[in-house]
Protein backbone atom coordinates (compact mmCIF):
# COMPACT_ATOMS: atom_id res chain seq x y z
CA MET A 1 74.15 115.84 138.69
CA GLY A 2 71.45 114.55 141.01
CA PHE A 3 67.81 115.56 141.01
CA SER A 4 65.98 116.66 144.12
CA THR A 5 62.40 115.71 144.78
CA SER A 6 61.67 119.35 145.55
CA PHE A 7 62.77 120.35 142.04
CA PHE A 8 60.18 118.13 140.43
CA PHE A 9 57.46 119.21 142.84
CA LYS A 10 58.24 122.82 141.84
CA ILE A 11 58.10 121.88 138.16
CA ILE A 12 54.74 120.14 138.62
CA PHE A 13 53.34 123.09 140.59
CA LEU A 14 54.49 125.62 138.00
CA SER A 15 53.15 123.60 135.08
CA SER A 16 49.81 123.08 136.81
CA PHE A 17 49.50 126.84 137.38
CA LEU A 18 50.41 127.70 133.80
CA SER A 19 48.13 124.97 132.47
CA GLY A 20 45.20 126.84 133.98
CA LEU A 21 46.22 129.92 132.01
CA SER A 22 46.48 127.91 128.79
CA TYR A 23 42.85 126.82 128.96
CA ALA A 24 41.47 130.36 129.17
CA TYR A 25 40.67 130.33 125.44
CA GLU A 26 37.58 129.16 123.59
CA LEU A 27 38.60 126.49 121.11
CA ARG A 28 36.09 123.83 120.10
CA ASP A 29 35.97 120.84 117.80
CA THR A 30 32.83 122.19 116.07
CA PHE A 31 34.39 125.54 115.21
CA TYR A 32 34.14 124.99 111.42
CA ALA A 33 30.88 123.02 111.49
CA SER A 34 28.99 125.60 109.43
CA THR A 35 31.88 127.14 107.48
CA CYS A 36 34.11 124.21 106.47
CA SER A 37 32.59 121.01 107.82
CA ASN A 38 35.03 118.62 106.10
CA VAL A 39 38.27 120.10 107.45
CA SER A 40 39.43 116.85 109.02
CA GLY A 41 38.58 114.77 105.96
CA ILE A 42 40.44 117.09 103.60
CA VAL A 43 43.52 117.18 105.82
CA ARG A 44 43.51 113.42 106.26
CA GLY A 45 43.16 112.84 102.51
CA VAL A 46 46.18 114.98 101.64
CA ILE A 47 48.30 113.24 104.28
CA GLN A 48 47.22 109.79 103.10
CA HIS A 49 48.39 110.72 99.61
CA ALA A 50 51.69 112.08 100.92
CA LEU A 51 52.34 108.90 102.91
CA GLN A 52 52.36 106.88 99.70
CA SER A 53 55.72 108.38 98.76
CA ASP A 54 57.06 109.46 102.17
CA GLN A 55 56.54 107.27 105.23
CA ARG A 56 58.29 109.88 107.39
CA ILE A 57 55.78 112.61 106.72
CA GLY A 58 53.39 111.80 109.58
CA ALA A 59 56.10 112.11 112.22
CA SER A 60 57.37 115.29 110.53
CA LEU A 61 53.94 116.93 110.60
CA LEU A 62 53.48 116.06 114.26
CA ARG A 63 56.86 117.64 115.00
CA LEU A 64 55.86 120.81 113.15
CA HIS A 65 52.88 121.23 115.48
CA PHE A 66 55.16 120.75 118.51
CA HIS A 67 57.70 123.29 117.25
CA ASP A 68 54.91 125.75 116.52
CA CYS A 69 53.17 125.54 119.90
CA PHE A 70 56.34 125.86 121.98
CA VAL A 71 57.13 129.26 120.44
CA ASN A 72 54.56 131.98 121.21
CA GLY A 73 51.82 129.35 121.36
CA CYS A 74 50.00 127.49 118.56
CA ASP A 75 49.82 130.29 116.00
CA GLY A 76 51.35 128.92 112.80
CA SER A 77 54.44 131.09 113.18
CA VAL A 78 56.77 128.18 112.38
CA LEU A 79 55.41 128.15 108.81
CA LEU A 80 56.42 131.71 107.95
CA ASP A 81 59.27 132.21 105.47
CA ASP A 82 61.82 135.01 105.67
CA SER A 83 60.66 138.39 104.38
CA THR A 84 61.60 142.01 104.87
CA ALA A 85 59.66 141.95 108.16
CA ILE A 86 59.94 138.29 109.19
CA HIS A 87 62.96 136.47 110.59
CA SER A 88 61.78 132.93 110.01
CA GLU A 89 61.77 130.38 112.82
CA LYS A 90 62.86 127.87 110.18
CA ASN A 91 66.38 129.27 110.57
CA ALA A 92 66.59 128.52 114.30
CA LEU A 93 69.20 125.95 115.31
CA PRO A 94 66.62 123.30 116.37
CA ASN A 95 64.78 123.78 113.06
CA VAL A 96 67.26 124.44 110.27
CA ASN A 97 67.69 121.43 107.96
CA SER A 98 65.57 119.51 110.43
CA ILE A 99 61.87 120.32 110.41
CA ARG A 100 60.08 119.38 107.21
CA GLY A 101 56.65 118.83 105.72
CA PHE A 102 56.01 122.41 104.60
CA ASP A 103 55.08 121.28 101.10
CA VAL A 104 52.37 119.01 102.52
CA ILE A 105 51.01 121.88 104.62
CA ASP A 106 50.93 123.93 101.40
CA ASP A 107 48.95 121.17 99.70
CA ILE A 108 46.50 120.98 102.61
CA LYS A 109 46.06 124.76 102.57
CA SER A 110 45.42 124.76 98.82
CA ALA A 111 42.80 122.00 99.16
CA LEU A 112 41.06 123.88 101.97
CA GLU A 113 41.16 127.18 100.09
CA ASN A 114 39.51 125.46 97.12
CA SER A 115 36.78 124.07 99.36
CA CYS A 116 36.23 126.95 101.80
CA PRO A 117 38.43 129.96 101.00
CA GLY A 118 39.63 132.24 103.75
CA VAL A 119 38.21 130.11 106.55
CA VAL A 120 40.71 127.63 108.05
CA SER A 121 43.85 128.93 109.74
CA CYS A 122 47.30 127.48 109.22
CA ALA A 123 47.60 127.01 112.98
CA ASP A 124 44.50 124.80 112.94
CA ILE A 125 45.87 122.90 109.93
CA LEU A 126 48.93 121.98 112.00
CA ALA A 127 46.76 120.77 114.88
CA VAL A 128 44.49 118.68 112.66
CA ALA A 129 47.44 117.31 110.67
CA ALA A 130 49.12 116.17 113.89
CA GLU A 131 46.05 114.17 114.94
CA ALA A 132 45.58 112.68 111.48
CA SER A 133 49.25 111.68 111.30
CA VAL A 134 49.09 109.81 114.60
CA SER A 135 45.78 108.15 113.75
CA LEU A 136 46.98 107.04 110.30
CA ALA A 137 49.99 105.39 111.98
CA HIS A 138 47.62 103.24 114.08
CA GLY A 139 47.91 105.49 117.09
CA PRO A 140 45.10 107.10 119.08
CA SER A 141 42.56 109.53 117.68
CA TRP A 142 40.97 112.52 119.38
CA LYS A 143 38.66 115.43 118.69
CA VAL A 144 40.79 118.42 117.75
CA SER A 145 39.65 121.74 119.15
CA MET A 146 39.88 124.51 116.56
CA GLY A 147 39.47 128.24 116.28
CA ARG A 148 43.12 129.31 116.32
CA ARG A 149 44.18 132.23 114.17
CA ASP A 150 47.52 132.84 112.52
CA SER A 151 50.25 135.13 113.76
CA ILE A 152 51.63 137.94 111.64
CA THR A 153 55.06 137.67 113.27
CA ALA A 154 57.65 134.99 113.98
CA ASN A 155 60.00 134.55 116.92
CA LEU A 156 63.44 133.34 115.84
CA THR A 157 64.90 133.93 119.31
CA GLY A 158 62.16 131.87 120.91
CA ALA A 159 62.62 129.07 118.39
CA ASN A 160 66.29 128.87 119.33
CA GLU A 161 65.13 127.99 122.87
CA LEU A 162 63.12 124.93 121.81
CA PRO A 163 63.85 121.73 123.78
CA SER A 164 66.94 120.13 122.25
CA PHE A 165 68.06 116.56 121.56
CA PHE A 166 71.21 117.37 123.55
CA GLU A 167 69.64 118.79 126.69
CA GLY A 168 69.35 117.09 130.03
CA VAL A 169 65.93 116.10 131.29
CA GLU A 170 66.04 118.80 133.98
CA ASN A 171 66.29 121.62 131.41
CA ILE A 172 63.65 120.05 129.19
CA ALA A 173 61.27 119.68 132.14
CA ARG A 174 61.75 123.35 132.90
CA LYS A 175 60.89 124.35 129.33
CA PHE A 176 57.78 122.18 129.39
CA ALA A 177 56.70 123.72 132.68
CA LYS A 178 56.98 127.21 131.21
CA VAL A 179 54.21 126.36 128.74
CA GLY A 180 52.04 124.55 131.29
CA LEU A 181 53.08 120.97 130.58
CA ASN A 182 54.06 118.62 133.40
CA ILE A 183 56.37 115.61 133.71
CA THR A 184 53.76 113.15 132.46
CA ASP A 185 53.17 115.38 129.42
CA LEU A 186 56.91 115.48 128.78
CA VAL A 187 57.25 111.69 128.75
CA ALA A 188 54.05 111.18 126.77
CA LEU A 189 54.99 113.71 124.08
CA SER A 190 58.51 112.28 123.90
CA GLY A 191 56.74 109.05 122.98
CA ALA A 192 56.00 110.64 119.60
CA HIS A 193 59.47 109.34 118.74
CA THR A 194 57.84 105.95 118.44
CA PHE A 195 57.64 106.74 114.73
CA GLY A 196 59.78 108.65 112.28
CA ARG A 197 63.51 108.94 111.75
CA ALA A 198 66.49 111.11 112.68
CA LYS A 199 69.59 112.10 110.73
CA CYS A 200 72.95 110.65 111.75
CA GLY A 201 74.29 114.15 112.22
CA VAL A 202 71.82 114.72 115.06
CA PHE A 203 73.06 111.90 117.29
CA ARG A 204 76.48 110.89 115.92
CA ASP A 205 78.36 112.46 118.84
CA ARG A 206 76.71 109.87 121.10
CA LEU A 207 78.42 107.16 119.08
CA TYR A 208 81.95 108.51 119.04
CA GLU A 209 82.49 111.77 120.96
CA PHE A 210 79.93 111.82 123.75
CA ASN A 211 80.43 114.99 125.84
CA LYS A 212 83.81 115.41 124.12
CA THR A 213 85.21 112.27 125.81
CA SER A 214 86.30 110.56 122.57
CA LYS A 215 84.12 107.67 123.72
CA PRO A 216 80.50 106.59 123.06
CA ASP A 217 77.66 107.41 125.41
CA PRO A 218 78.06 104.76 128.16
CA THR A 219 74.29 104.40 128.49
CA LEU A 220 73.97 102.98 124.97
CA ASN A 221 73.32 99.24 124.74
CA PRO A 222 76.56 97.83 123.23
CA THR A 223 74.78 95.82 120.54
CA TYR A 224 72.65 98.78 119.59
CA LEU A 225 75.74 101.02 119.59
CA SER A 226 77.45 98.69 117.12
CA SER A 227 74.48 98.72 114.76
CA LEU A 228 74.29 102.51 114.91
CA GLN A 229 77.99 102.86 114.19
CA GLN A 230 77.54 100.70 111.10
CA ALA A 231 74.65 102.87 109.93
CA CYS A 232 76.43 106.12 110.83
CA PRO A 233 80.22 105.90 110.35
CA GLN A 234 82.17 108.63 112.13
CA LYS A 235 83.14 110.31 108.86
CA GLY A 236 80.01 109.30 106.99
CA ASN A 237 77.08 111.23 105.56
CA GLY A 238 75.29 113.08 108.34
CA SER A 239 72.06 113.18 106.32
CA VAL A 240 71.51 109.42 106.44
CA VAL A 241 68.37 108.69 108.47
CA VAL A 242 67.91 106.03 111.15
CA ASN A 243 64.67 104.79 112.70
CA LEU A 244 63.80 106.46 116.00
CA ASP A 245 62.02 103.25 117.02
CA LYS A 246 64.21 100.45 115.73
CA SER A 247 61.45 97.86 115.30
CA THR A 248 58.28 99.72 114.23
CA ALA A 249 59.38 103.04 112.77
CA ASP A 250 56.17 103.63 110.81
CA SER A 251 53.70 102.67 113.53
CA PHE A 252 52.59 104.67 116.54
CA ASP A 253 52.88 102.28 119.50
CA ASN A 254 54.64 101.98 122.87
CA ASN A 255 57.80 100.25 121.63
CA TYR A 256 59.70 103.49 122.15
CA PHE A 257 59.43 103.02 125.92
CA LYS A 258 60.48 99.39 125.72
CA ASP A 259 63.55 100.54 123.81
CA LEU A 260 64.41 103.00 126.57
CA GLN A 261 64.29 100.19 129.14
CA LYS A 262 66.89 98.34 127.03
CA ASN A 263 69.08 101.46 126.69
CA GLU A 264 68.17 101.65 123.02
CA GLY A 265 66.86 105.19 122.84
CA LEU A 266 68.29 106.84 119.72
CA LEU A 267 68.54 110.42 120.96
CA GLN A 268 70.22 111.56 124.16
CA SER A 269 67.07 113.39 125.27
CA ASP A 270 65.10 110.16 124.82
CA GLN A 271 67.41 107.84 126.72
CA GLU A 272 67.82 110.30 129.60
CA LEU A 273 64.16 109.78 130.46
CA PHE A 274 65.20 106.36 131.74
CA SER A 275 68.96 106.39 132.25
CA ARG A 276 69.14 109.42 134.54
CA ASN A 277 67.19 107.41 137.13
CA VAL A 278 64.77 110.17 138.06
CA PRO A 279 62.18 108.12 139.99
CA ASP A 280 59.10 110.08 138.88
CA ILE A 281 60.07 109.89 135.22
CA VAL A 282 61.26 106.29 135.25
CA ALA A 283 57.92 105.28 136.79
CA ILE A 284 56.06 106.92 133.91
CA VAL A 285 58.31 105.25 131.31
CA ASN A 286 57.68 101.87 132.95
CA SER A 287 53.95 102.52 133.05
CA PHE A 288 53.79 103.41 129.36
CA SER A 289 55.98 100.44 128.46
CA SER A 290 53.69 98.00 130.23
CA SER A 291 50.43 99.52 128.94
CA GLN A 292 50.01 100.95 125.46
CA ALA A 293 46.49 102.03 126.41
CA THR A 294 47.86 104.15 129.26
CA PHE A 295 50.42 105.74 126.95
CA PHE A 296 47.76 106.53 124.34
CA GLU A 297 45.48 108.06 126.98
CA LYS A 298 48.20 110.31 128.39
CA PHE A 299 49.51 111.19 124.94
CA VAL A 300 46.09 112.43 123.87
CA GLU A 301 45.75 114.45 127.08
CA ALA A 302 49.18 116.01 126.48
CA MET A 303 48.41 116.81 122.82
CA ILE A 304 45.18 118.55 123.77
CA LYS A 305 46.99 120.57 126.44
CA MET A 306 49.78 121.46 124.03
CA GLY A 307 47.28 122.51 121.37
CA ASN A 308 45.80 124.97 123.87
CA ILE A 309 49.03 126.86 124.52
CA THR A 310 48.12 130.57 124.14
CA PRO A 311 46.42 130.45 120.73
CA LEU A 312 45.36 133.60 118.92
CA THR A 313 41.56 133.76 118.83
CA GLY A 314 38.73 136.17 118.08
CA THR A 315 40.03 139.11 116.08
CA ASN A 316 43.69 138.58 116.96
CA GLY A 317 46.02 137.59 114.17
CA GLU A 318 44.59 136.63 110.80
CA ILE A 319 43.62 133.70 108.57
CA ARG A 320 46.53 133.46 106.15
CA SER A 321 45.74 132.64 102.55
CA ASN A 322 49.30 131.30 102.18
CA CYS A 323 50.80 129.63 105.23
CA ARG A 324 54.29 130.83 104.31
CA LYS A 325 53.55 134.55 104.45
CA VAL A 326 51.26 137.07 106.09
CA ASN A 327 48.38 138.42 104.05
CA VAL A 328 49.68 141.99 103.98
CA VAL A 329 53.43 142.28 103.55
CA VAL A 330 54.77 145.18 105.60
């Protein structure tokens, strides 16, 4: 299917309009200056410890923040477990057996409760953890605006609508636009796949049964395809993990975009940024590939915008004492 220029102008217009709505809230990086001044240091310390035994955890924590903000805004709802009143977002198709890092969030929450009880929200923990994870992987750093409060509900239906590894770029662009993020934000945030890993079961159809054709995805570089088929046999263990960025899986850099140019994007949604030949998007991929500084700059801008998606503030929501459940079970 082709892409019209008018479609992308409409997407950019819609995302620009919604972006204005997203910034109507008062978050600030000094929010805890007098109540819990070492928030960032505590979060960073717990993640540094976790990285000693799990190099994937930084990418996983960043993904948790993404999956939280795209459902009802950045409100910590993704962390809620099932209860009599909660249908957990963890059970949504894009999340189940996929998102991880909840134990590290628990550890961060415990450390913060010991230092400044009842002060720091779980939603803010996710935002700060995302920045720390990127920074610790030699990526950019930025001042995280805080002041979010935690939801007392979850949205399983909304979580089932999260952007998918299997979707075309047109649908993904539409979902980004709905939350005020434009095409540049889409490409920049996709660049988070420059570190971390994915399970074979997530992308194996690309290797053997792409679009039910009984053939591999024709956009895959043949040499890369062969290496992936060795790592992920057709009847093999779907839980085996493969590097998202084949050369520097534990570092946050711009190699992801260089891989796309060589048709070596691991996930369908990644490779489509380049292989679908959408001029606006290809130009951004090429720009980020040629300049890591440009990618870092736009990634930070996109993360700040994403972190401002309709947070709960003021007296809305609550500050959970346990990120997995609301304070008062109803």
